[in-house]
Amino acid sequence: MLTARTLLEADIYVALTRAQEEPEPGVELLPAPGFEPGVNMTEGPDAWVYASPVGEITIPYASEKSATLTGAHWGLGRSRLVDAAEWVAVGRLYWERGVEADMAYNGEPGRERNLVALNYELAAEAIAEAIKFLPEGADRVPDEAIWTTYGADILADDPYAVTRARLEEDLETYRGTLADFRSLHGTGDS
């Protein structure tokens, strides 16, 4: 059985896996079906079990709680479900969604402001997830950190996607965009 660190990681894993089943793999990442207790989500003594469209995924309560307490949306440690190149794609997706939402944002506090900031934040966190696969002092993520077909396709399209220089540049861009947005529009609902 697969194990996700958080509910959000389970969701993105399902979206990535389902995207590979589409006629144009990886073009669109749609959210997984919602978590519905008693329907596709059961509670066990130590974990939820999510009966996803791509198989059962266990999400330990302790892992979800630790991630929530530390603000790590995707979870602590390194992913065993999403490879380094896929995290790069996830980062780009959230950054593009953030830019699109930012362009439509009217400057008022509230849900729309929070959505823009969350997209930029998730983009930066996704790149930080990819960086977790970089060995200390290495110039690029090792080949074994790319284990999915989608990840291999990303690397084939852009051989520099998982280099230290590119990952650090993307992280700086996404964090900078978030900081600029917060500087201009504030950091909360009020």
C-alpha atoms as a PDB file:
ATOM      1  CA  MET A   1       0.000   0.000   0.000  1.00  0.00           C
ATOM      2  CA  LEU A   2       1.163   3.531  -0.760  1.00  0.00           C
ATOM      3  CA  THR A   3       1.844   5.983   2.071  1.00  0.00           C
ATOM      4  CA  ALA A   4       1.471   9.753   1.765  1.00  0.00           C
ATOM      5  CA  ARG A   5       2.842  12.193   4.319  1.00  0.00           C
ATOM      6  CA  THR A   6      -0.254  14.412   4.139  1.00  0.00           C
ATOM      7  CA  LEU A   7      -3.703  14.545   2.615  1.00  0.00           C
ATOM      8  CA  LEU A   8      -2.425  17.202   0.204  1.00  0.00           C
ATOM      9  CA  GLU A   9       0.424  14.948  -0.937  1.00  0.00           C
ATOM     10  CA  ALA A  10      -2.067  12.112  -1.517  1.00  0.00           C
ATOM     11  CA  ASP A  11      -4.202  14.509  -3.552  1.00  0.00           C
ATOM     12  CA  ILE A  12      -1.312  15.666  -5.754  1.00  0.00           C
ATOM     13  CA  TYR A  13      -0.072  12.086  -6.232  1.00  0.00           C
ATOM     14  CA  VAL A  14      -3.506  11.029  -7.497  1.00  0.00           C
ATOM     15  CA  ALA A  15      -3.678  14.067  -9.797  1.00  0.00           C
ATOM     16  CA  LEU A  16      -0.209  13.327 -11.220  1.00  0.00           C
ATOM     17  CA  THR A  17      -1.002   9.640 -11.718  1.00  0.00           C
ATOM     18  CA  ARG A  18      -4.355  10.344 -13.372  1.00  0.00           C
ATOM     19  CA  ALA A  19      -2.768  12.952 -15.638  1.00  0.00           C
ATOM     20  CA  GLN A  20      -0.699  10.163 -17.170  1.00  0.00           C
ATOM     21  CA  GLU A  21      -3.885   8.376 -18.222  1.00  0.00           C
ATOM     22  CA  GLU A  22      -5.051  11.325 -20.324  1.00  0.00           C
ATOM     23  CA  PRO A  23      -4.601  11.526 -24.134  1.00  0.00           C
ATOM     24  CA  GLU A  24      -2.000  14.261 -23.589  1.00  0.00           C
ATOM     25  CA  PRO A  25      -0.175  13.109 -20.431  1.00  0.00           C
ATOM     26  CA  GLY A  26       0.703  15.765 -17.903  1.00  0.00           C
ATOM     27  CA  VAL A  27      -1.015  18.637 -19.690  1.00  0.00           C
ATOM     28  CA  GLU A  28      -3.630  19.228 -16.996  1.00  0.00           C
ATOM     29  CA  LEU A  29      -3.506  18.267 -13.336  1.00  0.00           C
ATOM     30  CA  LEU A  30      -6.998  18.079 -11.956  1.00  0.00           C
ATOM     31  CA  PRO A  31      -7.660  17.583  -8.244  1.00  0.00           C
ATOM     32  CA  ALA A  32      -8.370  14.090  -7.008  1.00  0.00           C
ATOM     33  CA  PRO A  33     -11.932  13.284  -5.971  1.00  0.00           C
ATOM     34  CA  GLY A  34     -12.575  14.859  -2.578  1.00  0.00           C
ATOM     35  CA  PHE A  35     -11.967  12.927   0.611  1.00  0.00           C
ATOM     36  CA  GLU A  36     -15.327  11.586   1.800  1.00  0.00           C
ATOM     37  CA  PRO A  37     -15.328   9.792   5.177  1.00  0.00           C
ATOM     38  CA  GLY A  38     -17.206   6.529   4.896  1.00  0.00           C
ATOM     39  CA  VAL A  39     -17.170   6.673   1.100  1.00  0.00           C
ATOM     40  CA  ASN A  40     -13.533   6.775  -0.019  1.00  0.00           C
ATOM     41  CA  MET A  41     -11.836   7.531   3.306  1.00  0.00           C
ATOM     42  CA  THR A  42     -11.761   5.267   6.336  1.00  0.00           C
ATOM     43  CA  GLU A  43     -10.265   5.917   9.732  1.00  0.00           C
ATOM     44  CA  GLY A  44      -7.980   3.333  11.255  1.00  0.00           C
ATOM     45  CA  PRO A  45      -6.210   3.298  14.605  1.00  0.00           C
ATOM     46  CA  ASP A  46      -3.137   5.190  13.295  1.00  0.00           C
ATOM     47  CA  ALA A  47      -4.035   6.448   9.838  1.00  0.00           C
ATOM     48  CA  TRP A  48      -6.642   7.274   7.253  1.00  0.00           C
ATOM     49  CA  VAL A  49      -6.915   4.982   4.266  1.00  0.00           C
ATOM     50  CA  TYR A  50      -7.918   6.797   1.103  1.00  0.00           C
ATOM     51  CA  ALA A  51      -9.500   4.581  -1.560  1.00  0.00           C
ATOM     52  CA  SER A  52      -8.341   6.753  -4.449  1.00  0.00           C
ATOM     53  CA  PRO A  53      -8.955   6.158  -8.154  1.00  0.00           C
ATOM     54  CA  VAL A  54      -5.317   4.964  -8.434  1.00  0.00           C
ATOM     55  CA  GLY A  55      -5.261   2.665  -5.397  1.00  0.00           C
ATOM     56  CA  GLU A  56      -5.345   2.783  -1.618  1.00  0.00           C
ATOM     57  CA  ILE A  57      -3.164   5.386   0.068  1.00  0.00           C
ATOM     58  CA  THR A  58      -2.416   5.458   3.792  1.00  0.00           C
ATOM     59  CA  ILE A  59      -2.006   8.857   5.468  1.00  0.00           C
ATOM     60  CA  PRO A  60      -0.713   8.516   9.065  1.00  0.00           C
ATOM     61  CA  TYR A  61      -2.408  10.855  11.536  1.00  0.00           C
ATOM     62  CA  ALA A  62       0.936  11.706  13.144  1.00  0.00           C
ATOM     63  CA  SER A  63       2.435  12.690   9.795  1.00  0.00           C
ATOM     64  CA  GLU A  64      -0.507  14.941   8.911  1.00  0.00           C
ATOM     65  CA  LYS A  65      -0.468  16.528  12.374  1.00  0.00           C
ATOM     66  CA  SER A  66       3.295  17.199  12.267  1.00  0.00           C
ATOM     67  CA  ALA A  67       2.968  18.775   8.847  1.00  0.00           C
ATOM     68  CA  THR A  68       0.067  20.936  10.003  1.00  0.00           C
ATOM     69  CA  LEU A  69       1.905  22.103  13.116  1.00  0.00           C
ATOM     70  CA  THR A  70       5.000  23.065  11.119  1.00  0.00           C
ATOM     71  CA  GLY A  71       3.135  24.532   8.143  1.00  0.00           C
ATOM     72  CA  ALA A  72       4.630  21.976   5.733  1.00  0.00           C
ATOM     73  CA  HIS A  73       1.736  21.477   3.320  1.00  0.00           C
ATOM     74  CA  TRP A  74       3.265  18.447   1.602  1.00  0.00           C
ATOM     75  CA  GLY A  75       4.720  16.888   4.753  1.00  0.00           C
ATOM     76  CA  LEU A  76       7.982  16.428   6.591  1.00  0.00           C
ATOM     77  CA  GLY A  77      10.824  14.369   5.164  1.00  0.00           C
ATOM     78  CA  ARG A  78      11.154  13.368   1.527  1.00  0.00           C
ATOM     79  CA  SER A  79       8.315  12.108  -0.638  1.00  0.00           C
ATOM     80  CA  ARG A  80       8.101   8.454  -1.584  1.00  0.00           C
ATOM     81  CA  LEU A  81       5.213   9.073  -3.975  1.00  0.00           C
ATOM     82  CA  VAL A  82       6.177  12.129  -6.041  1.00  0.00           C
ATOM     83  CA  ASP A  83       9.593  12.265  -7.683  1.00  0.00           C
ATOM     84  CA  ALA A  84      11.857  15.310  -7.960  1.00  0.00           C
ATOM     85  CA  ALA A  85      10.900  16.230 -11.539  1.00  0.00           C
ATOM     86  CA  GLU A  86       7.208  15.892 -10.732  1.00  0.00           C
ATOM     87  CA  TRP A  87       7.679  18.351  -7.852  1.00  0.00           C
ATOM     88  CA  VAL A  88       9.134  20.803 -10.385  1.00  0.00           C
ATOM     89  CA  ALA A  89       5.993  20.415 -12.509  1.00  0.00           C
ATOM     90  CA  VAL A  90       3.791  20.877  -9.432  1.00  0.00           C
ATOM     91  CA  GLY A  91       5.716  24.041  -8.550  1.00  0.00           C
ATOM     92  CA  ARG A  92       5.237  25.456 -12.039  1.00  0.00           C
ATOM     93  CA  LEU A  93       1.558  24.592 -11.998  1.00  0.00           C
ATOM     94  CA  TYR A  94       0.933  26.406  -8.709  1.00  0.00           C
ATOM     95  CA  TRP A  95       3.058  29.369  -9.766  1.00  0.00           C
ATOM     96  CA  GLU A  96       1.118  29.687 -13.045  1.00  0.00           C
ATOM     97  CA  ARG A  97      -2.175  29.440 -11.141  1.00  0.00           C
ATOM     98  CA  GLY A  98      -0.896  32.101  -8.759  1.00  0.00           C
ATOM     99  CA  VAL A  99       0.050  34.438 -11.606  1.00  0.00           C
ATOM    100  CA  GLU A 100      -3.344  33.925 -13.250  1.00  0.00           C
ATOM    101  CA  ALA A 101      -5.194  34.562  -9.973  1.00  0.00           C
ATOM    102  CA  ASP A 102      -2.919  37.542  -9.265  1.00  0.00           C
ATOM    103  CA  MET A 103      -3.782  39.093 -12.633  1.00  0.00           C
ATOM    104  CA  ALA A 104      -7.507  38.784 -11.843  1.00  0.00           C
ATOM    105  CA  TYR A 105      -7.154  39.924  -8.218  1.00  0.00           C
ATOM    106  CA  ASN A 106      -8.951  43.189  -7.394  1.00  0.00           C
ATOM    107  CA  GLY A 107      -6.794  44.164  -4.411  1.00  0.00           C
ATOM    108  CA  GLU A 108      -9.453  43.513  -1.777  1.00  0.00           C
ATOM    109  CA  PRO A 109      -8.656  41.419   1.318  1.00  0.00           C
ATOM    110  CA  GLY A 110     -10.294  38.037   1.567  1.00  0.00           C
ATOM    111  CA  ARG A 111     -10.517  34.719  -0.229  1.00  0.00           C
ATOM    112  CA  GLU A 112      -9.064  35.833  -3.579  1.00  0.00           C
ATOM    113  CA  ARG A 113      -6.031  37.414  -1.899  1.00  0.00           C
ATOM    114  CA  ASN A 114      -5.465  34.290   0.158  1.00  0.00           C
ATOM    115  CA  LEU A 115      -5.780  32.069  -2.936  1.00  0.00           C
ATOM    116  CA  VAL A 116      -3.098  34.010  -4.811  1.00  0.00           C
ATOM    117  CA  ALA A 117      -0.731  33.823  -1.835  1.00  0.00           C
ATOM    118  CA  LEU A 118      -1.441  30.117  -1.275  1.00  0.00           C
ATOM    119  CA  ASN A 119      -0.651  29.289  -4.896  1.00  0.00           C
ATOM    120  CA  TYR A 120       2.684  31.121  -4.693  1.00  0.00           C
ATOM    121  CA  GLU A 121       3.433  29.479  -1.344  1.00  0.00           C
ATOM    122  CA  LEU A 122       2.659  25.976  -2.670  1.00  0.00           C
ATOM    123  CA  ALA A 123       4.808  26.660  -5.743  1.00  0.00           C
ATOM    124  CA  ALA A 124       7.803  27.493  -3.557  1.00  0.00           C
ATOM    125  CA  GLU A 125       7.153  24.524  -1.269  1.00  0.00           C
ATOM    126  CA  ALA A 126       6.968  22.156  -4.254  1.00  0.00           C
ATOM    127  CA  ILE A 127      10.413  23.296  -5.415  1.00  0.00           C
ATOM    128  CA  ALA A 128      11.698  22.859  -1.861  1.00  0.00           C
ATOM    129  CA  GLU A 129      10.373  19.282  -2.087  1.00  0.00           C
ATOM    130  CA  ALA A 130      12.424  18.716  -5.263  1.00  0.00           C
ATOM    131  CA  ILE A 131      15.491  20.177  -3.542  1.00  0.00           C
ATOM    132  CA  LYS A 132      15.169  17.534  -0.811  1.00  0.00           C
ATOM    133  CA  PHE A 133      16.330  15.004  -3.438  1.00  0.00           C
ATOM    134  CA  LEU A 134      19.618  16.885  -4.043  1.00  0.00           C
ATOM    135  CA  PRO A 135      22.552  15.259  -2.258  1.00  0.00           C
ATOM    136  CA  GLU A 136      24.790  17.734  -0.458  1.00  0.00           C
ATOM    137  CA  GLY A 137      27.247  19.281  -2.922  1.00  0.00           C
ATOM    138  CA  ALA A 138      25.641  17.654  -5.985  1.00  0.00           C
ATOM    139  CA  ASP A 139      24.900  19.730  -9.077  1.00  0.00           C
ATOM    140  CA  ARG A 140      21.733  17.839  -9.944  1.00  0.00           C
ATOM    141  CA  VAL A 141      19.208  15.395  -8.585  1.00  0.00           C
ATOM    142  CA  PRO A 142      20.419  11.806  -9.077  1.00  0.00           C
ATOM    143  CA  ASP A 143      18.739   9.599 -11.688  1.00  0.00           C
ATOM    144  CA  GLU A 144      17.164   7.385  -9.015  1.00  0.00           C
ATOM    145  CA  ALA A 145      15.195  10.410  -7.759  1.00  0.00           C
ATOM    146  CA  ILE A 146      13.230  10.340 -11.033  1.00  0.00           C
ATOM    147  CA  TRP A 147      11.234   7.099 -10.959  1.00  0.00           C
ATOM    148  CA  THR A 148       8.035   7.967 -12.844  1.00  0.00           C
ATOM    149  CA  THR A 149       7.350   8.155 -16.562  1.00  0.00           C
ATOM    150  CA  TYR A 150       6.047  11.689 -16.094  1.00  0.00           C
ATOM    151  CA  GLY A 151       9.230  12.714 -14.293  1.00  0.00           C
ATOM    152  CA  ALA A 152      11.351  11.169 -17.061  1.00  0.00           C
ATOM    153  CA  ASP A 153       9.301  13.035 -19.678  1.00  0.00           C
ATOM    154  CA  ILE A 154       9.850  16.319 -17.836  1.00  0.00           C
ATOM    155  CA  LEU A 155      13.585  15.662 -17.754  1.00  0.00           C
ATOM    156  CA  ALA A 156      13.613  14.691 -21.452  1.00  0.00           C
ATOM    157  CA  ASP A 157      11.912  18.011 -22.308  1.00  0.00           C
ATOM    158  CA  ASP A 158      14.183  20.030 -20.020  1.00  0.00           C
ATOM    159  CA  PRO A 159      17.436  18.338 -18.959  1.00  0.00           C
ATOM    160  CA  TYR A 160      18.178  21.242 -16.583  1.00  0.00           C
ATOM    161  CA  ALA A 161      14.872  20.997 -14.676  1.00  0.00           C
ATOM    162  CA  VAL A 162      16.426  19.272 -11.669  1.00  0.00           C
ATOM    163  CA  THR A 163      19.810  20.939 -11.558  1.00  0.00           C
ATOM    164  CA  ARG A 164      20.768  22.748  -8.380  1.00  0.00           C
ATOM    165  CA  ALA A 165      21.054  26.052 -10.268  1.00  0.00           C
ATOM    166  CA  ARG A 166      17.554  25.782 -11.786  1.00  0.00           C
ATOM    167  CA  LEU A 167      15.919  24.586  -8.574  1.00  0.00           C
ATOM    168  CA  GLU A 168      17.501  27.413  -6.579  1.00  0.00           C
ATOM    169  CA  GLU A 169      16.492  29.921  -9.262  1.00  0.00           C
ATOM    170  CA  ASP A 170      12.889  28.643  -9.281  1.00  0.00           C
ATOM    171  CA  LEU A 171      12.740  28.693  -5.489  1.00  0.00           C
ATOM    172  CA  GLU A 172      14.043  32.269  -5.400  1.00  0.00           C
ATOM    173  CA  THR A 173      11.537  33.327  -8.092  1.00  0.00           C
ATOM    174  CA  TYR A 174       8.542  31.726  -6.384  1.00  0.00           C
ATOM    175  CA  ARG A 175       9.457  32.962  -2.918  1.00  0.00           C
ATOM    176  CA  GLY A 176      10.219  36.406  -4.321  1.00  0.00           C
ATOM    177  CA  THR A 177       6.873  36.555  -6.092  1.00  0.00           C
ATOM    178  CA  LEU A 178       5.131  35.584  -2.855  1.00  0.00           C
ATOM    179  CA  ALA A 179       7.080  38.191  -0.871  1.00  0.00           C
ATOM    180  CA  ASP A 180       6.301  40.886  -3.441  1.00  0.00           C
ATOM    181  CA  PHE A 181       2.613  39.992  -3.412  1.00  0.00           C
ATOM    182  CA  ARG A 182       2.465  40.050   0.387  1.00  0.00           C
ATOM    183  CA  SER A 183       4.379  43.320   0.494  1.00  0.00           C
ATOM    184  CA  LEU A 184       1.855  44.884  -1.851  1.00  0.00           C
ATOM    185  CA  HIS A 185      -1.346  43.288  -0.507  1.00  0.00           C
ATOM    186  CA  GLY A 186      -0.632  42.229   3.080  1.00  0.00           C
ATOM    187  CA  THR A 187      -0.385  38.807   4.653  1.00  0.00           C
ATOM    188  CA  GLY A 188      -3.897  38.032   5.882  1.00  0.00           C
ATOM    189  CA  ASP A 189      -7.630  38.515   5.596  1.00  0.00           C
ATOM    190  CA  SER A 190      -7.731  41.967   7.125  1.00  0.00           C
END
